Amino acid sequence: MRCLLILAVLLGGVMLLAARPAQAGFIKRDFLLNSCASSDEQRLADCTGYLIGVTDTTQSEAGSTVCVPAGIAIRNLRDAVVYYLRAHAKGPDGDAAPMVRAALRALYPCKK
C-alpha cells in the first residue's frame, strides 16, 4: 500500500510539471558562442543549425542586403560568423539572432 501511495505522489508531481506552460527562451550570444566552440558534436550541430536557420531567414527577407556566396562551406560560414561575434562581443549578453544578422550583413553584403 505504501508503494502505491509513493507512486501516486510521484505521478501527481510529474503531471503537475507536465501541465506547466512552456516558457519560450531565446538563444543568447554567449550560449551560441559556447556551443560553437564545443567539442561535443551535438552542441556544435546545434550551433551550425541555428546559424543556418538565421542565415536562410535573413537572406529570404524582402529587401535583404545579405548575399552569402553560393557553394560556401557551412563550416566556413560558421567560423566567419563566430569570429565576427567574438570580435564584436561588447556589452551584456543578448539575443543571438540580431547579432548573427549584423554579422551576416557585415560579412556578406550583396554586390551592387
PDB file of N, CA and C in Angstrom:
ATOM      1  N   MET A   1       0.811  -1.186   0.000  1.00  0.00           N
ATOM      2  CA  MET A   1       0.000   0.000   0.000  1.00  0.00           C
ATOM      3  C   MET A   1       0.862   1.259   0.000  1.00  0.00           C
ATOM      4  N   ARG A   2       1.939   1.214   0.772  1.00  0.00           N
ATOM      5  CA  ARG A   2       2.838   2.363   0.864  1.00  0.00           C
ATOM      6  C   ARG A   2       3.459   2.642  -0.496  1.00  0.00           C
ATOM      7  N   CYS A   3       3.820   1.594  -1.234  1.00  0.00           N
ATOM      8  CA  CYS A   3       4.398   1.757  -2.579  1.00  0.00           C
ATOM      9  C   CYS A   3       3.412   2.432  -3.516  1.00  0.00           C
ATOM     10  N   LEU A   4       2.139   2.075  -3.406  1.00  0.00           N
ATOM     11  CA  LEU A   4       1.112   2.692  -4.249  1.00  0.00           C
ATOM     12  C   LEU A   4       0.960   4.173  -3.933  1.00  0.00           C
ATOM     13  N   LEU A   5       1.048   4.517  -2.671  1.00  0.00           N
ATOM     14  CA  LEU A   5       0.946   5.910  -2.262  1.00  0.00           C
ATOM     15  C   LEU A   5       2.122   6.711  -2.805  1.00  0.00           C
ATOM     16  N   ILE A   6       3.314   6.170  -2.690  1.00  0.00           N
ATOM     17  CA  ILE A   6       4.514   6.837  -3.219  1.00  0.00           C
ATOM     18  C   ILE A   6       4.404   7.004  -4.730  1.00  0.00           C
ATOM     19  N   LEU A   7       3.954   5.961  -5.401  1.00  0.00           N
ATOM     20  CA  LEU A   7       3.790   6.011  -6.851  1.00  0.00           C
ATOM     21  C   LEU A   7       2.765   7.079  -7.241  1.00  0.00           C
ATOM     22  N   ALA A   8       1.670   7.183  -6.504  1.00  0.00           N
ATOM     23  CA  ALA A   8       0.640   8.183  -6.798  1.00  0.00           C
ATOM     24  C   ALA A   8       1.185   9.595  -6.620  1.00  0.00           C
ATOM     25  N   VAL A   9       1.967   9.811  -5.564  1.00  0.00           N
ATOM     26  CA  VAL A   9       2.559  11.131  -5.320  1.00  0.00           C
ATOM     27  C   VAL A   9       3.542  11.483  -6.438  1.00  0.00           C
ATOM     28  N   LEU A  10       4.365  10.534  -6.818  1.00  0.00           N
ATOM     29  CA  LEU A  10       5.328  10.782  -7.898  1.00  0.00           C
ATOM     30  C   LEU A  10       4.631  11.084  -9.216  1.00  0.00           C
ATOM     31  N   LEU A  11       3.618  10.307  -9.549  1.00  0.00           N
ATOM     32  CA  LEU A  11       2.878  10.547 -10.781  1.00  0.00           C
ATOM     33  C   LEU A  11       2.170  11.891 -10.751  1.00  0.00           C
ATOM     34  N   GLY A  12       1.636  12.252  -9.612  1.00  0.00           N
ATOM     35  CA  GLY A  12       1.000  13.566  -9.475  1.00  0.00           C
ATOM     36  C   GLY A  12       1.977  14.692  -9.698  1.00  0.00           C
ATOM     37  N   GLY A  13       3.185  14.550  -9.175  1.00  0.00           N
ATOM     38  CA  GLY A  13       4.221  15.561  -9.383  1.00  0.00           C
ATOM     39  C   GLY A  13       4.622  15.671 -10.839  1.00  0.00           C
ATOM     40  N   VAL A  14       4.752  14.528 -11.494  1.00  0.00           N
ATOM     41  CA  VAL A  14       5.090  14.526 -12.909  1.00  0.00           C
ATOM     42  C   VAL A  14       3.988  15.203 -13.712  1.00  0.00           C
ATOM     43  N   MET A  15       2.744  14.918 -13.376  1.00  0.00           N
ATOM     44  CA  MET A  15       1.624  15.519 -14.101  1.00  0.00           C
ATOM     45  C   MET A  15       1.583  17.027 -13.890  1.00  0.00           C
ATOM     46  N   LEU A  16       1.895  17.492 -12.690  1.00  0.00           N
ATOM     47  CA  LEU A  16       1.930  18.936 -12.443  1.00  0.00           C
ATOM     48  C   LEU A  16       3.031  19.595 -13.259  1.00  0.00           C
ATOM     49  N   LEU A  17       4.180  18.968 -13.337  1.00  0.00           N
ATOM     50  CA  LEU A  17       5.275  19.523 -14.138  1.00  0.00           C
ATOM     51  C   LEU A  17       4.911  19.548 -15.613  1.00  0.00           C
ATOM     52  N   ALA A  18       4.265  18.498 -16.071  1.00  0.00           N
ATOM     53  CA  ALA A  18       3.875  18.426 -17.477  1.00  0.00           C
ATOM     54  C   ALA A  18       2.804  19.447 -17.811  1.00  0.00           C
ATOM     55  N   ALA A  19       2.000  19.835 -16.850  1.00  0.00           N
ATOM     56  CA  ALA A  19       0.912  20.771 -17.090  1.00  0.00           C
ATOM     57  C   ALA A  19       1.372  22.227 -17.092  1.00  0.00           C
ATOM     58  N   ARG A  20       2.586  22.487 -16.648  1.00  0.00           N
ATOM     59  CA  ARG A  20       3.093  23.858 -16.634  1.00  0.00           C
ATOM     60  C   ARG A  20       3.244  24.365 -18.051  1.00  0.00           C
ATOM     61  N   PRO A  21       2.930  25.619 -18.301  1.00  0.00           N
ATOM     62  CA  PRO A  21       3.087  26.155 -19.648  1.00  0.00           C
ATOM     63  C   PRO A  21       4.558  26.237 -20.028  1.00  0.00           C
ATOM     64  N   ALA A  22       4.823  26.004 -21.302  1.00  0.00           N
ATOM     65  CA  ALA A  22       6.194  26.085 -21.792  1.00  0.00           C
ATOM     66  C   ALA A  22       6.650  27.537 -21.763  1.00  0.00           C
ATOM     67  N   GLN A  23       7.881  27.739 -21.417  1.00  0.00           N
ATOM     68  CA  GLN A  23       8.436  29.088 -21.393  1.00  0.00           C
ATOM     69  C   GLN A  23       9.423  29.207 -22.543  1.00  0.00           C
ATOM     70  N   ALA A  24       9.112  30.101 -23.462  1.00  0.00           N
ATOM     71  CA  ALA A  24       9.985  30.297 -24.607  1.00  0.00           C
ATOM     72  C   ALA A  24      11.217  31.062 -24.155  1.00  0.00           C
ATOM     73  N   GLY A  25      12.342  30.678 -24.672  1.00  0.00           N
ATOM     74  CA  GLY A  25      13.571  31.380 -24.387  1.00  0.00           C
ATOM     75  C   GLY A  25      14.337  31.565 -25.678  1.00  0.00           C
ATOM     76  N   PHE A  26      15.006  32.655 -25.779  1.00  0.00           N
ATOM     77  CA  PHE A  26      15.772  32.933 -26.975  1.00  0.00           C
ATOM     78  C   PHE A  26      17.229  32.562 -26.740  1.00  0.00           C
ATOM     79  N   ILE A  27      17.871  32.117 -27.804  1.00  0.00           N
ATOM     80  CA  ILE A  27      19.287  31.772 -27.722  1.00  0.00           C
ATOM     81  C   ILE A  27      20.072  33.063 -27.502  1.00  0.00           C
ATOM     82  N   LYS A  28      20.932  33.024 -26.537  1.00  0.00           N
ATOM     83  CA  LYS A  28      21.765  34.185 -26.213  1.00  0.00           C
ATOM     84  C   LYS A  28      23.126  34.049 -26.886  1.00  0.00           C
ATOM     85  N   ARG A  29      23.766  35.195 -27.086  1.00  0.00           N
ATOM     86  CA  ARG A  29      25.058  35.247 -27.770  1.00  0.00           C
ATOM     87  C   ARG A  29      26.084  34.326 -27.113  1.00  0.00           C
ATOM     88  N   ASP A  30      26.260  34.436 -25.819  1.00  0.00           N
ATOM     89  CA  ASP A  30      27.298  33.645 -25.153  1.00  0.00           C
ATOM     90  C   ASP A  30      27.002  32.151 -25.213  1.00  0.00           C
ATOM     91  N   PHE A  31      25.725  31.774 -25.103  1.00  0.00           N
ATOM     92  CA  PHE A  31      25.352  30.369 -25.227  1.00  0.00           C
ATOM     93  C   PHE A  31      25.696  29.867 -26.627  1.00  0.00           C
ATOM     94  N   LEU A  32      25.374  30.668 -27.643  1.00  0.00           N
ATOM     95  CA  LEU A  32      25.683  30.281 -29.023  1.00  0.00           C
ATOM     96  C   LEU A  32      27.190  30.141 -29.221  1.00  0.00           C
ATOM     97  N   LEU A  33      27.949  31.108 -28.740  1.00  0.00           N
ATOM     98  CA  LEU A  33      29.405  31.037 -28.907  1.00  0.00           C
ATOM     99  C   LEU A  33      29.996  29.831 -28.184  1.00  0.00           C
ATOM    100  N   ASN A  34      29.481  29.521 -27.009  1.00  0.00           N
ATOM    101  CA  ASN A  34      29.958  28.329 -26.287  1.00  0.00           C
ATOM    102  C   ASN A  34      29.603  27.056 -27.042  1.00  0.00           C
ATOM    103  N   SER A  35      28.415  27.014 -27.617  1.00  0.00           N
ATOM    104  CA  SER A  35      28.012  25.841 -28.406  1.00  0.00           C
ATOM    105  C   SER A  35      28.901  25.696 -29.636  1.00  0.00           C
ATOM    106  N   CYS A  36      29.193  26.811 -30.271  1.00  0.00           N
ATOM    107  CA  CYS A  36      30.010  26.785 -31.492  1.00  0.00           C
ATOM    108  C   CYS A  36      31.456  26.378 -31.208  1.00  0.00           C
ATOM    109  N   ALA A  37      31.908  26.610 -29.991  1.00  0.00           N
ATOM    110  CA  ALA A  37      33.287  26.269 -29.620  1.00  0.00           C
ATOM    111  C   ALA A  37      33.390  24.899 -28.955  1.00  0.00           C
ATOM    112  N   SER A  38      32.266  24.234 -28.783  1.00  0.00           N
ATOM    113  CA  SER A  38      32.237  22.974 -28.058  1.00  0.00           C
ATOM    114  C   SER A  38      32.852  21.832 -28.869  1.00  0.00           C
ATOM    115  N   SER A  39      33.443  20.898 -28.160  1.00  0.00           N
ATOM    116  CA  SER A  39      33.937  19.686 -28.816  1.00  0.00           C
ATOM    117  C   SER A  39      32.842  18.616 -28.864  1.00  0.00           C
ATOM    118  N   ASP A  40      31.720  18.900 -28.195  1.00  0.00           N
ATOM    119  CA  ASP A  40      30.572  17.989 -28.216  1.00  0.00           C
ATOM    120  C   ASP A  40      29.869  18.127 -29.565  1.00  0.00           C
ATOM    121  N   GLU A  41      29.734  17.015 -30.277  1.00  0.00           N
ATOM    122  CA  GLU A  41      29.161  17.052 -31.626  1.00  0.00           C
ATOM    123  C   GLU A  41      27.745  17.592 -31.644  1.00  0.00           C
ATOM    124  N   GLN A  42      26.930  17.268 -30.649  1.00  0.00           N
ATOM    125  CA  GLN A  42      25.542  17.740 -30.628  1.00  0.00           C
ATOM    126  C   GLN A  42      25.487  19.252 -30.453  1.00  0.00           C
ATOM    127  N   ARG A  43      26.296  19.780 -29.552  1.00  0.00           N
ATOM    128  CA  ARG A  43      26.296  21.238 -29.337  1.00  0.00           C
ATOM    129  C   ARG A  43      26.794  21.960 -30.575  1.00  0.00           C
ATOM    130  N   LEU A  44      27.807  21.401 -31.232  1.00  0.00           N
ATOM    131  CA  LEU A  44      28.318  22.006 -32.463  1.00  0.00           C
ATOM    132  C   LEU A  44      27.260  21.947 -33.561  1.00  0.00           C
ATOM    133  N   ALA A  45      26.538  20.841 -33.638  1.00  0.00           N
ATOM    134  CA  ALA A  45      25.453  20.720 -34.617  1.00  0.00           C
ATOM    135  C   ALA A  45      24.338  21.714 -34.307  1.00  0.00           C
ATOM    136  N   ASP A  46      24.029  21.927 -33.033  1.00  0.00           N
ATOM    137  CA  ASP A  46      23.029  22.919 -32.645  1.00  0.00           C
ATOM    138  C   ASP A  46      23.455  24.309 -33.099  1.00  0.00           C
ATOM    139  N   CYS A  47      24.714  24.641 -32.893  1.00  0.00           N
ATOM    140  CA  CYS A  47      25.264  25.926 -33.324  1.00  0.00           C
ATOM    141  C   CYS A  47      25.112  26.091 -34.828  1.00  0.00           C
ATOM    142  N   THR A  48      25.538  25.080 -35.556  1.00  0.00           N
ATOM    143  CA  THR A  48      25.504  25.138 -37.016  1.00  0.00           C
ATOM    144  C   THR A  48      24.070  25.260 -37.518  1.00  0.00           C
ATOM    145  N   GLY A  49      23.180  24.476 -36.963  1.00  0.00           N
ATOM    146  CA  GLY A  49      21.777  24.539 -37.360  1.00  0.00           C
ATOM    147  C   GLY A  49      21.166  25.903 -37.085  1.00  0.00           C
ATOM    148  N   TYR A  50      21.498  26.476 -35.947  1.00  0.00           N
ATOM    149  CA  TYR A  50      20.990  27.805 -35.601  1.00  0.00           C
ATOM    150  C   TYR A  50      21.478  28.833 -36.613  1.00  0.00           C
ATOM    151  N   LEU A  51      22.772  28.794 -36.915  1.00  0.00           N
ATOM    152  CA  LEU A  51      23.338  29.759 -37.860  1.00  0.00           C
ATOM    153  C   LEU A  51      22.740  29.594 -39.254  1.00  0.00           C
ATOM    154  N   ILE A  52      22.520  28.359 -39.674  1.00  0.00           N
ATOM    155  CA  ILE A  52      21.902  28.117 -40.987  1.00  0.00           C
ATOM    156  C   ILE A  52      20.482  28.673 -40.994  1.00  0.00           C
ATOM    157  N   GLY A  53      19.738  28.453 -39.932  1.00  0.00           N
ATOM    158  CA  GLY A  53      18.370  28.958 -39.852  1.00  0.00           C
ATOM    159  C   GLY A  53      18.307  30.474 -39.915  1.00  0.00           C
ATOM    160  N   VAL A  54      19.166  31.148 -39.149  1.00  0.00           N
ATOM    161  CA  VAL A  54      19.182  32.610 -39.170  1.00  0.00           C
ATOM    162  C   VAL A  54      19.631  33.108 -40.541  1.00  0.00           C
ATOM    163  N   THR A  55      20.625  32.438 -41.137  1.00  0.00           N
ATOM    164  CA  THR A  55      21.110  32.838 -42.457  1.00  0.00           C
ATOM    165  C   THR A  55      20.020  32.682 -43.508  1.00  0.00           C
ATOM    166  N   ASP A  56      19.363  31.545 -43.543  1.00  0.00           N
ATOM    167  CA  ASP A  56      18.287  31.318 -44.516  1.00  0.00           C
ATOM    168  C   ASP A  56      17.168  32.339 -44.350  1.00  0.00           C
ATOM    169  N   THR A  57      16.779  32.586 -43.111  1.00  0.00           N
ATOM    170  CA  THR A  57      15.706  33.544 -42.848  1.00  0.00           C
ATOM    171  C   THR A  57      16.123  34.950 -43.268  1.00  0.00           C
ATOM    172  N   THR A  58      17.328  35.340 -42.938  1.00  0.00           N
ATOM    173  CA  THR A  58      17.806  36.683 -43.249  1.00  0.00           C
ATOM    174  C   THR A  58      17.893  36.895 -44.757  1.00  0.00           C
ATOM    175  N   GLN A  59      18.432  35.920 -45.467  1.00  0.00           N
ATOM    176  CA  GLN A  59      18.568  36.058 -46.921  1.00  0.00           C
ATOM    177  C   GLN A  59      17.221  36.078 -47.634  1.00  0.00           C
ATOM    178  N   SER A  60      16.224  35.413 -47.066  1.00  0.00           N
ATOM    179  CA  SER A  60      14.928  35.311 -47.744  1.00  0.00           C
ATOM    180  C   SER A  60      14.000  36.487 -47.446  1.00  0.00           C
ATOM    181  N   GLU A  61      14.387  37.358 -46.529  1.00  0.00           N
ATOM    182  CA  GLU A  61      13.559  38.518 -46.208  1.00  0.00           C
ATOM    183  C   GLU A  61      13.539  39.488 -47.391  1.00  0.00           C
ATOM    184  N   ALA A  62      12.391  40.099 -47.618  1.00  0.00           N
ATOM    185  CA  ALA A  62      12.277  41.087 -48.690  1.00  0.00           C
ATOM    186  C   ALA A  62      13.260  42.229 -48.426  1.00  0.00           C
ATOM    187  N   GLY A  63      13.981  42.604 -49.443  1.00  0.00           N
ATOM    188  CA  GLY A  63      14.946  43.696 -49.324  1.00  0.00           C
ATOM    189  C   GLY A  63      16.223  43.338 -48.593  1.00  0.00           C
ATOM    190  N   SER A  64      16.485  42.065 -48.415  1.00  0.00           N
ATOM    191  CA  SER A  64      17.689  41.639 -47.697  1.00  0.00           C
ATOM    192  C   SER A  64      18.942  42.137 -48.402  1.00  0.00           C
ATOM    193  N   THR A  65      19.897  42.575 -47.609  1.00  0.00           N
ATOM    194  CA  THR A  65      21.183  43.013 -48.146  1.00  0.00           C
ATOM    195  C   THR A  65      22.270  41.979 -47.892  1.00  0.00           C
ATOM    196  N   VAL A  66      21.860  40.767 -47.508  1.00  0.00           N
ATOM    197  CA  VAL A  66      22.800  39.677 -47.226  1.00  0.00           C
ATOM    198  C   VAL A  66      22.805  38.718 -48.410  1.00  0.00           C
ATOM    199  N   CYS A  67      24.001  38.475 -48.948  1.00  0.00           N
ATOM    200  CA  CYS A  67      24.164  37.561 -50.084  1.00  0.00           C
ATOM    201  C   CYS A  67      25.333  36.623 -49.797  1.00  0.00           C
ATOM    202  N   VAL A  68      25.046  35.536 -49.115  1.00  0.00           N
ATOM    203  CA  VAL A  68      26.086  34.541 -48.827  1.00  0.00           C
ATOM    204  C   VAL A  68      26.433  33.865 -50.152  1.00  0.00           C
ATOM    205  N   PRO A  69      27.713  33.767 -50.480  1.00  0.00           N
ATOM    206  CA  PRO A  69      28.100  33.163 -51.756  1.00  0.00           C
ATOM    207  C   PRO A  69      27.589  31.732 -51.901  1.00  0.00           C
ATOM    208  N   ALA A  70      27.126  31.425 -53.088  1.00  0.00           N
ATOM    209  CA  ALA A  70      26.676  30.064 -53.381  1.00  0.00           C
ATOM    210  C   ALA A  70      27.860  29.122 -53.229  1.00  0.00           C
ATOM    211  N   GLY A  71      27.617  27.983 -52.656  1.00  0.00           N
ATOM    212  CA  GLY A  71      28.654  26.967 -52.528  1.00  0.00           C
ATOM    213  C   GLY A  71      29.593  27.152 -51.349  1.00  0.00           C
ATOM    214  N   ILE A  72      29.356  28.165 -50.512  1.00  0.00           N
ATOM    215  CA  ILE A  72      30.231  28.348 -49.348  1.00  0.00           C
ATOM    216  C   ILE A  72      30.080  27.138 -48.429  1.00  0.00           C
ATOM    217  N   ALA A  73      31.174  26.680 -47.898  1.00  0.00           N
ATOM    218  CA  ALA A  73      31.132  25.568 -46.946  1.00  0.00           C
ATOM    219  C   ALA A  73      30.490  26.065 -45.654  1.00  0.00           C
ATOM    220  N   ILE A  74      29.570  25.291 -45.131  1.00  0.00           N
ATOM    221  CA  ILE A  74      28.872  25.675 -43.911  1.00  0.00           C
ATOM    222  C   ILE A  74      29.867  25.931 -42.779  1.00  0.00           C
ATOM    223  N   ARG A  75      30.900  25.126 -42.737  1.00  0.00           N
ATOM    224  CA  ARG A  75      31.935  25.310 -41.702  1.00  0.00           C
ATOM    225  C   ARG A  75      32.576  26.684 -41.822  1.00  0.00           C
ATOM    226  N   ASN A  76      32.827  27.129 -43.069  1.00  0.00           N
ATOM    227  CA  ASN A  76      33.434  28.443 -43.274  1.00  0.00           C
ATOM    228  C   ASN A  76      32.495  29.570 -42.853  1.00  0.00           C
ATOM    229  N   LEU A  77      31.212  29.410 -43.160  1.00  0.00           N
ATOM    230  CA  LEU A  77      30.215  30.392 -42.724  1.00  0.00           C
ATOM    231  C   LEU A  77      30.185  30.458 -41.202  1.00  0.00           C
ATOM    232  N   ARG A  78      30.131  29.282 -40.569  1.00  0.00           N
ATOM    233  CA  ARG A  78      30.092  29.223 -39.102  1.00  0.00           C
ATOM    234  C   ARG A  78      31.326  29.889 -38.506  1.00  0.00           C
ATOM    235  N   ASP A  79      32.496  29.547 -39.023  1.00  0.00           N
ATOM    236  CA  ASP A  79      33.735  30.110 -38.481  1.00  0.00           C
ATOM    237  C   ASP A  79      33.785  31.625 -38.645  1.00  0.00           C
ATOM    238  N   ALA A  80      33.329  32.131 -39.795  1.00  0.00           N
ATOM    239  CA  ALA A  80      33.356  33.573 -40.043  1.00  0.00           C
ATOM    240  C   ALA A  80      32.400  34.315 -39.107  1.00  0.00           C
ATOM    241  N   VAL A  81      31.195  33.776 -38.945  1.00  0.00           N
ATOM    242  CA  VAL A  81      30.214  34.422 -38.071  1.00  0.00           C
ATOM    243  C   VAL A  81      30.684  34.387 -36.622  1.00  0.00           C
ATOM    244  N   VAL A  82      31.206  33.251 -36.180  1.00  0.00           N
ATOM    245  CA  VAL A  82      31.695  33.136 -34.802  1.00  0.00           C
ATOM    246  C   VAL A  82      32.863  34.100 -34.565  1.00  0.00           C
ATOM    247  N   TYR A  83      33.764  34.193 -35.511  1.00  0.00           N
ATOM    248  CA  TYR A  83      34.894  35.125 -35.375  1.00  0.00           C
ATOM    249  C   TYR A  83      34.373  36.561 -35.246  1.00  0.00           C
ATOM    250  N   TYR A  84      33.416  36.909 -36.098  1.00  0.00           N
ATOM    251  CA  TYR A  84      32.834  38.249 -36.063  1.00  0.00           C
ATOM    252  C   TYR A  84      32.162  38.504 -34.709  1.00  0.00           C
ATOM    253  N   LEU A  85      31.366  37.554 -34.251  1.00  0.00           N
ATOM    254  CA  LEU A  85      30.667  37.731 -32.973  1.00  0.00           C
ATOM    255  C   LEU A  85      31.642  37.897 -31.820  1.00  0.00           C
ATOM    256  N   ARG A  86      32.701  37.112 -31.821  1.00  0.00           N
ATOM    257  CA  ARG A  86      33.698  37.236 -30.747  1.00  0.00           C
ATOM    258  C   ARG A  86      34.385  38.604 -30.799  1.00  0.00           C
ATOM    259  N   ALA A  87      34.695  39.065 -31.995  1.00  0.00           N
ATOM    260  CA  ALA A  87      35.382  40.350 -32.156  1.00  0.00           C
ATOM    261  C   ALA A  87      34.488  41.523 -31.774  1.00  0.00           C
ATOM    262  N   HIS A  88      33.183  41.341 -31.872  1.00  0.00           N
ATOM    263  CA  HIS A  88      32.247  42.424 -31.603  1.00  0.00           C
ATOM    264  C   HIS A  88      31.374  42.168 -30.380  1.00  0.00           C
ATOM    265  N   ALA A  89      31.821  41.300 -29.500  1.00  0.00           N
ATOM    266  CA  ALA A  89      31.032  40.920 -28.314  1.00  0.00           C
ATOM    267  C   ALA A  89      31.236  41.942 -27.202  1.00  0.00           C
ATOM    268  N   LYS A  90      30.678  43.112 -27.417  1.00  0.00           N
ATOM    269  CA  LYS A  90      30.757  44.152 -26.400  1.00  0.00           C
ATOM    270  C   LYS A  90      29.399  44.272 -25.730  1.00  0.00           C
ATOM    271  N   GLY A  91      29.411  44.668 -24.504  1.00  0.00           N
ATOM    272  CA  GLY A  91      28.153  44.859 -23.800  1.00  0.00           C
ATOM    273  C   GLY A  91      27.619  43.564 -23.229  1.00  0.00           C
ATOM    274  N   PRO A  92      26.442  43.671 -22.636  1.00  0.00           N
ATOM    275  CA  PRO A  92      25.847  42.494 -21.992  1.00  0.00           C
ATOM    276  C   PRO A  92      25.421  41.448 -23.014  1.00  0.00           C
ATOM    277  N   ASP A  93      25.339  40.224 -22.537  1.00  0.00           N
ATOM    278  CA  ASP A  93      24.869  39.119 -23.355  1.00  0.00           C
ATOM    279  C   ASP A  93      23.437  39.427 -23.787  1.00  0.00           C
ATOM    280  N   GLY A  94      23.125  39.154 -25.031  1.00  0.00           N
ATOM    281  CA  GLY A  94      21.780  39.428 -25.528  1.00  0.00           C
ATOM    282  C   GLY A  94      21.347  38.355 -26.507  1.00  0.00           C
ATOM    283  N   ASP A  95      20.172  38.559 -27.097  1.00  0.00           N
ATOM    284  CA  ASP A  95      19.662  37.612 -28.076  1.00  0.00           C
ATOM    285  C   ASP A  95      20.645  37.484 -29.231  1.00  0.00           C
ATOM    286  N   ALA A  96      20.883  36.248 -29.642  1.00  0.00           N
ATOM    287  CA  ALA A  96      21.897  35.978 -30.651  1.00  0.00           C
ATOM    288  C   ALA A  96      21.459  36.340 -32.066  1.00  0.00           C
ATOM    289  N   ALA A  97      20.186  36.151 -32.395  1.00  0.00           N
ATOM    290  CA  ALA A  97      19.739  36.329 -33.783  1.00  0.00           C
ATOM    291  C   ALA A  97      20.057  37.707 -34.349  1.00  0.00           C
ATOM    292  N   PRO A  98      19.747  38.815 -33.661  1.00  0.00           N
ATOM    293  CA  PRO A  98      20.092  40.118 -34.226  1.00  0.00           C
ATOM    294  C   PRO A  98      21.599  40.298 -34.420  1.00  0.00           C
ATOM    295  N   MET A  99      22.383  39.694 -33.534  1.00  0.00           N
ATOM    296  CA  MET A  99      23.838  39.798 -33.650  1.00  0.00           C
ATOM    297  C   MET A  99      24.338  38.980 -34.834  1.00  0.00           C
ATOM    298  N   VAL A 100      23.739  37.811 -35.055  1.00  0.00           N
ATOM    299  CA  VAL A 100      24.114  36.988 -36.205  1.00  0.00           C
ATOM    300  C   VAL A 100      23.737  37.717 -37.488  1.00  0.00           C
ATOM    301  N   ARG A 101      22.560  38.351 -37.516  1.00  0.00           N
ATOM    302  CA  ARG A 101      22.155  39.119 -38.702  1.00  0.00           C
ATOM    303  C   ARG A 101      23.136  40.247 -38.983  1.00  0.00           C
ATOM    304  N   ALA A 102      23.575  40.939 -37.947  1.00  0.00           N
ATOM    305  CA  ALA A 102      24.551  42.023 -38.124  1.00  0.00           C
ATOM    306  C   ALA A 102      25.860  41.466 -38.686  1.00  0.00           C
ATOM    307  N   ALA A 103      26.275  40.311 -38.191  1.00  0.00           N
ATOM    308  CA  ALA A 103      27.497  39.676 -38.699  1.00  0.00           C
ATOM    309  C   ALA A 103      27.346  39.326 -40.172  1.00  0.00           C
ATOM    310  N   LEU A 104      26.192  38.770 -40.537  1.00  0.00           N
ATOM    311  CA  LEU A 104      25.956  38.388 -41.935  1.00  0.00           C
ATOM    312  C   LEU A 104      25.967  39.613 -42.844  1.00  0.00           C
ATOM    313  N   ARG A 105      25.342  40.707 -42.391  1.00  0.00           N
ATOM    314  CA  ARG A 105      25.335  41.933 -43.205  1.00  0.00           C
ATOM    315  C   ARG A 105      26.745  42.468 -43.410  1.00  0.00           C
ATOM    316  N   ALA A 106      27.567  42.388 -42.371  1.00  0.00           N
ATOM    317  CA  ALA A 106      28.939  42.885 -42.475  1.00  0.00           C
ATOM    318  C   ALA A 106      29.824  41.966 -43.309  1.00  0.00           C
ATOM    319  N   LEU A 107      29.635  40.663 -43.152  1.00  0.00           N
ATOM    320  CA  LEU A 107      30.499  39.691 -43.831  1.00  0.00           C
ATOM    321  C   LEU A 107      30.110  39.409 -45.279  1.00  0.00           C
ATOM    322  N   TYR A 108      28.807  39.430 -45.560  1.00  0.00           N
ATOM    323  CA  TYR A 108      28.330  39.017 -46.881  1.00  0.00           C
ATOM    324  C   TYR A 108      27.352  40.028 -47.473  1.00  0.00           C
ATOM    325  N   PRO A 109      27.810  41.267 -47.672  1.00  0.00           N
ATOM    326  CA  PRO A 109      26.912  42.253 -48.279  1.00  0.00           C
ATOM    327  C   PRO A 109      26.685  41.923 -49.752  1.00  0.00           C
ATOM    328  N   CYS A 110      25.489  42.225 -50.232  1.00  0.00           N
ATOM    329  CA  CYS A 110      25.200  42.000 -51.653  1.00  0.00           C
ATOM    330  C   CYS A 110      25.993  43.002 -52.498  1.00  0.00           C
ATOM    331  N   LYS A 111      26.476  42.554 -53.617  1.00  0.00           N
ATOM    332  CA  LYS A 111      27.187  43.423 -54.553  1.00  0.00           C
ATOM    333  C   LYS A 111      26.157  44.297 -55.255  1.00  0.00           C
ATOM    334  N   LYS A 112      26.482  45.538 -55.449  1.00  0.00           N
ATOM    335  CA  LYS A 112      25.550  46.456 -56.124  1.00  0.00           C
ATOM    336  C   LYS A 112      25.876  46.579 -57.582  1.00  0.00           C
TER     337      LYS A 112
END
